[in-house]
C-alpha cells in the first residue's frame, strides 16, 4: 500500500516571508454534547518555492519532511487567486 501524504486546503493569510506562506485551514464538526456546528482553524507554514502566492489565495498544501523549524508543508497548487 502506497504511503499517502495528507493534503489540506486553506486561505493564505501571510506572504511576508521569503519562500514561505502562512495558510489558515478551517474545519467544521458537530459538538458531541450540544450538537452545534463548531468551526475551528489552525495556521500552517508552507514552502512556496516561486513566491507566487498572495494574501487571500485559496491553496492546497501537502505534508513533507521538515524544511525548517516550523515548516512541514509544501504548496502543491493554487486553487483560486484572490481578487
PDB file of N, CA and C in Angstrom:
ATOM      1  N   UNK A   1       0.836  -1.184   0.000  1.00  0.00           N
ATOM      2  CA  UNK A   1       0.000   0.000   0.000  1.00  0.00           C
ATOM      3  C   UNK A   1       0.881   1.247   0.000  1.00  0.00           C
ATOM      4  N   UNK A   2       0.594   2.167  -0.870  1.00  0.00           N
ATOM      5  CA  UNK A   2       1.412   3.376  -1.005  1.00  0.00           C
ATOM      6  C   UNK A   2       1.213   4.301   0.197  1.00  0.00           C
ATOM      7  N   UNK A   3       2.278   4.990   0.571  1.00  0.00           N
ATOM      8  CA  UNK A   3       2.212   5.938   1.676  1.00  0.00           C
ATOM      9  C   UNK A   3       1.623   7.241   1.153  1.00  0.00           C
ATOM     10  N   UNK A   4       0.389   7.526   1.496  1.00  0.00           N
ATOM     11  CA  UNK A   4      -0.300   8.722   1.023  1.00  0.00           C
ATOM     12  C   UNK A   4      -0.005   9.886   1.958  1.00  0.00           C
ATOM     13  N   UNK A   5       0.333  11.036   1.381  1.00  0.00           N
ATOM     14  CA  UNK A   5       0.610  12.223   2.173  1.00  0.00           C
ATOM     15  C   UNK A   5      -0.664  13.027   2.358  1.00  0.00           C
ATOM     16  N   UNK A   6      -0.820  13.593   3.527  1.00  0.00           N
ATOM     17  CA  UNK A   6      -2.012  14.366   3.866  1.00  0.00           C
ATOM     18  C   UNK A   6      -2.009  15.680   3.097  1.00  0.00           C
ATOM     19  N   UNK A   7      -3.165  16.054   2.560  1.00  0.00           N
ATOM     20  CA  UNK A   7      -3.306  17.354   1.905  1.00  0.00           C
ATOM     21  C   UNK A   7      -4.394  18.141   2.623  1.00  0.00           C
ATOM     22  N   UNK A   8      -4.228  19.452   2.663  1.00  0.00           N
ATOM     23  CA  UNK A   8      -5.202  20.341   3.288  1.00  0.00           C
ATOM     24  C   UNK A   8      -5.437  21.525   2.368  1.00  0.00           C
ATOM     25  N   UNK A   9      -6.621  22.108   2.467  1.00  0.00           N
ATOM     26  CA  UNK A   9      -6.983  23.271   1.667  1.00  0.00           C
ATOM     27  C   UNK A   9      -7.249  24.437   2.601  1.00  0.00           C
ATOM     28  N   UNK A  10      -6.694  25.604   2.265  1.00  0.00           N
ATOM     29  CA  UNK A  10      -6.892  26.765   3.119  1.00  0.00           C
ATOM     30  C   UNK A  10      -6.607  28.059   2.384  1.00  0.00           C
ATOM     31  N   UNK A  11      -6.701  29.158   3.134  1.00  0.00           N
ATOM     32  CA  UNK A  11      -6.526  30.500   2.585  1.00  0.00           C
ATOM     33  C   UNK A  11      -5.208  31.070   3.085  1.00  0.00           C
ATOM     34  N   UNK A  12      -4.460  31.723   2.198  1.00  0.00           N
ATOM     35  CA  UNK A  12      -3.190  32.354   2.562  1.00  0.00           C
ATOM     36  C   UNK A  12      -3.489  33.609   3.379  1.00  0.00           C
ATOM     37  N   UNK A  13      -2.924  33.681   4.593  1.00  0.00           N
ATOM     38  CA  UNK A  13      -3.130  34.854   5.445  1.00  0.00           C
ATOM     39  C   UNK A  13      -1.877  35.714   5.553  1.00  0.00           C
ATOM     40  N   UNK A  14      -0.711  35.175   5.145  1.00  0.00           N
ATOM     41  CA  UNK A  14       0.518  35.955   5.166  1.00  0.00           C
ATOM     42  C   UNK A  14       1.477  35.452   4.102  1.00  0.00           C
ATOM     43  N   UNK A  15       2.147  36.406   3.424  1.00  0.00           N
ATOM     44  CA  UNK A  15       3.168  36.044   2.442  1.00  0.00           C
ATOM     45  C   UNK A  15       4.408  36.919   2.616  1.00  0.00           C
ATOM     46  N   UNK A  16       4.613  37.442   3.811  1.00  0.00           N
ATOM     47  CA  UNK A  16       5.707  38.381   4.067  1.00  0.00           C
ATOM     48  C   UNK A  16       7.087  37.718   4.060  1.00  0.00           C
ATOM     49  N   UNK A  17       7.139  36.429   4.414  1.00  0.00           N
ATOM     50  CA  UNK A  17       8.428  35.739   4.467  1.00  0.00           C
ATOM     51  C   UNK A  17       8.864  35.298   3.072  1.00  0.00           C
ATOM     52  N   UNK A  18      10.162  35.118   2.903  1.00  0.00           N
ATOM     53  CA  UNK A  18      10.701  34.678   1.620  1.00  0.00           C
ATOM     54  C   UNK A  18      10.485  33.174   1.469  1.00  0.00           C
ATOM     55  N   UNK A  19       9.813  32.772   0.388  1.00  0.00           N
ATOM     56  CA  UNK A  19       9.536  31.373   0.059  1.00  0.00           C
ATOM     57  C   UNK A  19       8.688  30.658   1.111  1.00  0.00           C
ATOM     58  N   UNK A  20       7.937  31.419   1.909  1.00  0.00           N
ATOM     59  CA  UNK A  20       7.078  30.832   2.927  1.00  0.00           C
ATOM     60  C   UNK A  20       5.736  31.554   2.941  1.00  0.00           C
ATOM     61  N   UNK A  21       4.663  30.778   3.072  1.00  0.00           N
ATOM     62  CA  UNK A  21       3.338  31.349   3.239  1.00  0.00           C
ATOM     63  C   UNK A  21       2.712  30.768   4.498  1.00  0.00           C
ATOM     64  N   UNK A  22       1.775  31.507   5.082  1.00  0.00           N
ATOM     65  CA  UNK A  22       1.015  31.010   6.221  1.00  0.00           C
ATOM     66  C   UNK A  22      -0.394  30.744   5.719  1.00  0.00           C
ATOM     67  N   UNK A  23      -0.847  29.501   5.899  1.00  0.00           N
ATOM     68  CA  UNK A  23      -2.146  29.069   5.386  1.00  0.00           C
ATOM     69  C   UNK A  23      -3.072  28.771   6.558  1.00  0.00           C
ATOM     70  N   UNK A  24      -4.265  29.375   6.530  1.00  0.00           N
ATOM     71  CA  UNK A  24      -5.266  29.131   7.572  1.00  0.00           C
ATOM     72  C   UNK A  24      -6.217  28.054   7.063  1.00  0.00           C
ATOM     73  N   UNK A  25      -6.237  26.912   7.753  1.00  0.00           N
ATOM     74  CA  UNK A  25      -7.090  25.785   7.388  1.00  0.00           C
ATOM     75  C   UNK A  25      -8.229  25.716   8.394  1.00  0.00           C
ATOM     76  N   UNK A  26      -9.461  25.760   7.883  1.00  0.00           N
ATOM     77  CA  UNK A  26     -10.636  25.751   8.757  1.00  0.00           C
ATOM     78  C   UNK A  26     -11.336  24.410   8.654  1.00  0.00           C
ATOM     79  N   UNK A  27     -11.859  23.937   9.785  1.00  0.00           N
ATOM     80  CA  UNK A  27     -12.612  22.685   9.783  1.00  0.00           C
ATOM     81  C   UNK A  27     -13.898  22.871  10.578  1.00  0.00           C
ATOM     82  N   UNK A  28     -14.911  22.106  10.227  1.00  0.00           N
ATOM     83  CA  UNK A  28     -16.195  22.160  10.912  1.00  0.00           C
ATOM     84  C   UNK A  28     -16.518  20.776  11.446  1.00  0.00           C
ATOM     85  N   UNK A  29     -17.128  20.751  12.641  1.00  0.00           N
ATOM     86  CA  UNK A  29     -17.565  19.487  13.207  1.00  0.00           C
ATOM     87  C   UNK A  29     -18.750  19.748  14.134  1.00  0.00           C
ATOM     88  N   UNK A  30     -19.495  18.710  14.401  1.00  0.00           N
ATOM     89  CA  UNK A  30     -20.640  18.829  15.293  1.00  0.00           C
ATOM     90  C   UNK A  30     -20.187  18.561  16.724  1.00  0.00           C
ATOM     91  N   UNK A  31     -20.547  19.443  17.639  1.00  0.00           N
ATOM     92  CA  UNK A  31     -20.178  19.278  19.046  1.00  0.00           C
ATOM     93  C   UNK A  31     -20.848  18.016  19.583  1.00  0.00           C
ATOM     94  N   UNK A  32     -20.080  17.146  20.259  1.00  0.00           N
ATOM     95  CA  UNK A  32     -20.636  15.859  20.675  1.00  0.00           C
ATOM     96  C   UNK A  32     -21.807  15.960  21.661  1.00  0.00           C
ATOM     97  N   UNK A  33     -21.806  16.967  22.523  1.00  0.00           N
ATOM     98  CA  UNK A  33     -22.867  17.094  23.518  1.00  0.00           C
ATOM     99  C   UNK A  33     -23.989  18.016  23.053  1.00  0.00           C
ATOM    100  N   UNK A  34     -23.617  19.191  22.526  1.00  0.00           N
ATOM    101  CA  UNK A  34     -24.618  20.209  22.202  1.00  0.00           C
ATOM    102  C   UNK A  34     -25.108  20.157  20.761  1.00  0.00           C
ATOM    103  N   UNK A  35     -24.509  19.324  19.915  1.00  0.00           N
ATOM    104  CA  UNK A  35     -24.929  19.109  18.527  1.00  0.00           C
ATOM    105  C   UNK A  35     -24.891  20.371  17.669  1.00  0.00           C
ATOM    106  N   UNK A  36     -24.125  21.359  18.091  1.00  0.00           N
ATOM    107  CA  UNK A  36     -23.990  22.586  17.313  1.00  0.00           C
ATOM    108  C   UNK A  36     -22.777  22.445  16.393  1.00  0.00           C
ATOM    109  N   UNK A  37     -22.857  23.037  15.197  1.00  0.00           N
ATOM    110  CA  UNK A  37     -21.728  23.028  14.274  1.00  0.00           C
ATOM    111  C   UNK A  37     -20.691  24.037  14.773  1.00  0.00           C
ATOM    112  N   UNK A  38     -19.480  23.564  15.004  1.00  0.00           N
ATOM    113  CA  UNK A  38     -18.398  24.395  15.532  1.00  0.00           C
ATOM    114  C   UNK A  38     -17.332  24.529  14.453  1.00  0.00           C
ATOM    115  N   UNK A  39     -16.811  25.752  14.287  1.00  0.00           N
ATOM    116  CA  UNK A  39     -15.736  25.987  13.323  1.00  0.00           C
ATOM    117  C   UNK A  39     -14.446  26.257  14.072  1.00  0.00           C
ATOM    118  N   UNK A  40     -13.397  25.533  13.716  1.00  0.00           N
ATOM    119  CA  UNK A  40     -12.075  25.747  14.297  1.00  0.00           C
ATOM    120  C   UNK A  40     -11.082  25.949  13.166  1.00  0.00           C
ATOM    121  N   UNK A  41      -9.990  26.657  13.451  1.00  0.00           N
ATOM    122  CA  UNK A  41      -8.975  26.863  12.427  1.00  0.00           C
ATOM    123  C   UNK A  41      -7.587  26.666  13.024  1.00  0.00           C
ATOM    124  N   UNK A  42      -6.643  26.418  12.130  1.00  0.00           N
ATOM    125  CA  UNK A  42      -5.246  26.271  12.514  1.00  0.00           C
ATOM    126  C   UNK A  42      -4.400  26.843  11.391  1.00  0.00           C
ATOM    127  N   UNK A  43      -3.267  27.442  11.747  1.00  0.00           N
ATOM    128  CA  UNK A  43      -2.378  28.017  10.745  1.00  0.00           C
ATOM    129  C   UNK A  43      -1.180  27.106  10.524  1.00  0.00           C
ATOM    130  N   UNK A  44      -0.821  26.927   9.257  1.00  0.00           N
ATOM    131  CA  UNK A  44       0.327  26.113   8.882  1.00  0.00           C
ATOM    132  C   UNK A  44       1.272  26.966   8.045  1.00  0.00           C
ATOM    133  N   UNK A  45       2.577  26.819   8.279  1.00  0.00           N
ATOM    134  CA  UNK A  45       3.578  27.468   7.418  1.00  0.00           C
ATOM    135  C   UNK A  45       3.928  26.485   6.309  1.00  0.00           C
ATOM    136  N   UNK A  46       3.884  26.982   5.073  1.00  0.00           N
ATOM    137  CA  UNK A  46       4.132  26.119   3.917  1.00  0.00           C
ATOM    138  C   UNK A  46       5.206  26.733   3.028  1.00  0.00           C
ATOM    139  N   UNK A  47       5.941  25.860   2.337  1.00  0.00           N
ATOM    140  CA  UNK A  47       7.030  26.286   1.455  1.00  0.00           C
ATOM    141  C   UNK A  47       6.459  26.660   0.086  1.00  0.00           C
ATOM    142  N   UNK A  48       6.744  27.891  -0.357  1.00  0.00           N
ATOM    143  CA  UNK A  48       6.306  28.396  -1.663  1.00  0.00           C
ATOM    144  C   UNK A  48       7.568  28.767  -2.434  1.00  0.00           C
ATOM    145  N   UNK A  49       8.077  27.834  -3.223  1.00  0.00           N
ATOM    146  CA  UNK A  49       9.385  27.979  -3.875  1.00  0.00           C
ATOM    147  C   UNK A  49       9.478  29.212  -4.772  1.00  0.00           C
ATOM    148  N   UNK A  50       8.412  29.517  -5.531  1.00  0.00           N
ATOM    149  CA  UNK A  50       8.472  30.608  -6.508  1.00  0.00           C
ATOM    150  C   UNK A  50       7.878  31.917  -5.997  1.00  0.00           C
ATOM    151  N   UNK A  51       7.478  31.980  -4.741  1.00  0.00           N
ATOM    152  CA  UNK A  51       6.832  33.169  -4.173  1.00  0.00           C
ATOM    153  C   UNK A  51       5.649  33.628  -5.021  1.00  0.00           C
ATOM    154  N   UNK A  52       4.801  32.679  -5.444  1.00  0.00           N
ATOM    155  CA  UNK A  52       3.705  33.020  -6.351  1.00  0.00           C
ATOM    156  C   UNK A  52       2.377  33.279  -5.638  1.00  0.00           C
ATOM    157  N   UNK A  53       2.276  32.961  -4.361  1.00  0.00           N
ATOM    158  CA  UNK A  53       1.019  33.150  -3.624  1.00  0.00           C
ATOM    159  C   UNK A  53       0.921  34.552  -3.048  1.00  0.00           C
ATOM    160  N   UNK A  54      -0.300  35.055  -3.003  1.00  0.00           N
ATOM    161  CA  UNK A  54      -0.598  36.340  -2.374  1.00  0.00           C
ATOM    162  C   UNK A  54      -1.664  36.125  -1.311  1.00  0.00           C
ATOM    163  N   UNK A  55      -1.854  37.113  -0.450  1.00  0.00           N
ATOM    164  CA  UNK A  55      -2.852  37.021   0.616  1.00  0.00           C
ATOM    165  C   UNK A  55      -4.236  36.869  -0.011  1.00  0.00           C
ATOM    166  N   UNK A  56      -5.008  35.927   0.514  1.00  0.00           N
ATOM    167  CA  UNK A  56      -6.365  35.702   0.023  1.00  0.00           C
ATOM    168  C   UNK A  56      -6.490  34.560  -0.956  1.00  0.00           C
ATOM    169  N   UNK A  57      -5.385  34.028  -1.462  1.00  0.00           N
ATOM    170  CA  UNK A  57      -5.437  32.909  -2.400  1.00  0.00           C
ATOM    171  C   UNK A  57      -5.917  31.641  -1.691  1.00  0.00           C
ATOM    172  N   UNK A  58      -6.719  30.850  -2.393  1.00  0.00           N
ATOM    173  CA  UNK A  58      -7.131  29.545  -1.898  1.00  0.00           C
ATOM    174  C   UNK A  58      -6.133  28.527  -2.424  1.00  0.00           C
ATOM    175  N   UNK A  59      -5.448  27.811  -1.527  1.00  0.00           N
ATOM    176  CA  UNK A  59      -4.364  26.920  -1.937  1.00  0.00           C
ATOM    177  C   UNK A  59      -4.523  25.529  -1.336  1.00  0.00           C
ATOM    178  N   UNK A  60      -3.794  24.584  -1.927  1.00  0.00           N
ATOM    179  CA  UNK A  60      -3.725  23.227  -1.398  1.00  0.00           C
ATOM    180  C   UNK A  60      -2.286  22.976  -0.965  1.00  0.00           C
ATOM    181  N   UNK A  61      -2.116  22.456   0.262  1.00  0.00           N
ATOM    182  CA  UNK A  61      -0.780  22.151   0.773  1.00  0.00           C
ATOM    183  C   UNK A  61      -0.686  20.659   1.085  1.00  0.00           C
ATOM    184  N   UNK A  62       0.541  20.156   1.056  1.00  0.00           N
ATOM    185  CA  UNK A  62       0.781  18.733   1.284  1.00  0.00           C
ATOM    186  C   UNK A  62       1.892  18.586   2.307  1.00  0.00           C
ATOM    187  N   UNK A  63       1.753  17.598   3.188  1.00  0.00           N
ATOM    188  CA  UNK A  63       2.786  17.396   4.202  1.00  0.00           C
ATOM    189  C   UNK A  63       4.073  16.902   3.553  1.00  0.00           C
ATOM    190  N   UNK A  64       5.208  17.256   4.176  1.00  0.00           N
ATOM    191  CA  UNK A  64       6.507  16.840   3.655  1.00  0.00           C
ATOM    192  C   UNK A  64       7.464  16.683   4.833  1.00  0.00           C
ATOM    193  N   UNK A  65       8.695  16.343   4.510  1.00  0.00           N
ATOM    194  CA  UNK A  65       9.710  16.275   5.563  1.00  0.00           C
ATOM    195  C   UNK A  65       9.980  17.693   6.072  1.00  0.00           C
ATOM    196  N   UNK A  66      10.481  17.844   7.288  1.00  0.00           N
ATOM    197  CA  UNK A  66      10.736  19.190   7.813  1.00  0.00           C
ATOM    198  C   UNK A  66      11.704  19.981   6.928  1.00  0.00           C
ATOM    199  N   UNK A  67      11.288  21.193   6.574  1.00  0.00           N
ATOM    200  CA  UNK A  67      12.097  22.076   5.741  1.00  0.00           C
ATOM    201  C   UNK A  67      12.860  23.053   6.624  1.00  0.00           C
ATOM    202  N   UNK A  68      12.216  23.501   7.691  1.00  0.00           N
ATOM    203  CA  UNK A  68      12.860  24.371   8.680  1.00  0.00           C
ATOM    204  C   UNK A  68      12.213  24.074  10.028  1.00  0.00           C
ATOM    205  N   UNK A  69      12.442  24.947  10.995  1.00  0.00           N
ATOM    206  CA  UNK A  69      11.942  24.696  12.349  1.00  0.00           C
ATOM    207  C   UNK A  69      10.420  24.549  12.400  1.00  0.00           C
ATOM    208  N   UNK A  70       9.694  25.360  11.657  1.00  0.00           N
ATOM    209  CA  UNK A  70       8.232  25.328  11.701  1.00  0.00           C
ATOM    210  C   UNK A  70       7.583  24.854  10.408  1.00  0.00           C
ATOM    211  N   UNK A  71       8.341  24.734   9.323  1.00  0.00           N
ATOM    212  CA  UNK A  71       7.761  24.363   8.023  1.00  0.00           C
ATOM    213  C   UNK A  71       7.789  22.859   7.816  1.00  0.00           C
ATOM    214  N   UNK A  72       6.589  22.263   7.688  1.00  0.00           N
ATOM    215  CA  UNK A  72       6.465  20.842   7.382  1.00  0.00           C
ATOM    216  C   UNK A  72       5.473  20.599   6.249  1.00  0.00           C
ATOM    217  N   UNK A  73       5.134  21.658   5.508  1.00  0.00           N
ATOM    218  CA  UNK A  73       4.160  21.587   4.424  1.00  0.00           C
ATOM    219  C   UNK A  73       4.733  22.266   3.190  1.00  0.00           C
ATOM    220  N   UNK A  74       4.303  21.802   2.023  1.00  0.00           N
ATOM    221  CA  UNK A  74       4.709  22.452   0.770  1.00  0.00           C
ATOM    222  C   UNK A  74       3.448  22.792  -0.036  1.00  0.00           C
ATOM    223  N   UNK A  75       3.544  23.851  -0.818  1.00  0.00           N
ATOM    224  CA  UNK A  75       2.447  24.268  -1.675  1.00  0.00           C
ATOM    225  C   UNK A  75       2.365  23.324  -2.863  1.00  0.00           C
ATOM    226  N   UNK A  76       1.186  22.730  -3.109  1.00  0.00           N
ATOM    227  CA  UNK A  76       1.031  21.852  -4.262  1.00  0.00           C
ATOM    228  C   UNK A  76       0.354  22.578  -5.417  1.00  0.00           C
ATOM    229  N   UNK A  77      -0.681  23.370  -5.126  1.00  0.00           N
ATOM    230  CA  UNK A  77      -1.328  24.116  -6.201  1.00  0.00           C
ATOM    231  C   UNK A  77      -2.143  25.272  -5.655  1.00  0.00           C
ATOM    232  N   UNK A  78      -2.355  26.267  -6.508  1.00  0.00           N
ATOM    233  CA  UNK A  78      -3.215  27.394  -6.180  1.00  0.00           C
ATOM    234  C   UNK A  78      -4.570  27.088  -6.807  1.00  0.00           C
ATOM    235  N   UNK A  79      -5.577  26.952  -5.974  1.00  0.00           N
ATOM    236  CA  UNK A  79      -6.919  26.609  -6.461  1.00  0.00           C
ATOM    237  C   UNK A  79      -7.596  27.847  -7.048  1.00  0.00           C
ATOM    238  N   UNK A  80      -7.501  28.958  -6.315  1.00  0.00           N
ATOM    239  CA  UNK A  80      -8.167  30.192  -6.770  1.00  0.00           C
ATOM    240  C   UNK A  80      -7.352  31.392  -6.339  1.00  0.00           C
ATOM    241  N   UNK A  81      -7.097  32.304  -7.276  1.00  0.00           N
ATOM    242  CA  UNK A  81      -6.361  33.540  -6.963  1.00  0.00           C
ATOM    243  C   UNK A  81      -7.301  34.525  -6.301  1.00  0.00           C
ATOM    244  N   UNK A  82      -6.751  35.386  -5.431  1.00  0.00           N
ATOM    245  CA  UNK A  82      -7.577  36.414  -4.796  1.00  0.00           C
ATOM    246  C   UNK A  82      -7.871  37.522  -5.795  1.00  0.00           C
ATOM    247  N   UNK A  83      -8.916  38.262  -5.511  1.00  0.00           N
ATOM    248  CA  UNK A  83      -9.332  39.318  -6.443  1.00  0.00           C
ATOM    249  C   UNK A  83      -8.606  40.609  -6.199  1.00  0.00           C
TER     250      UNK A  83
END
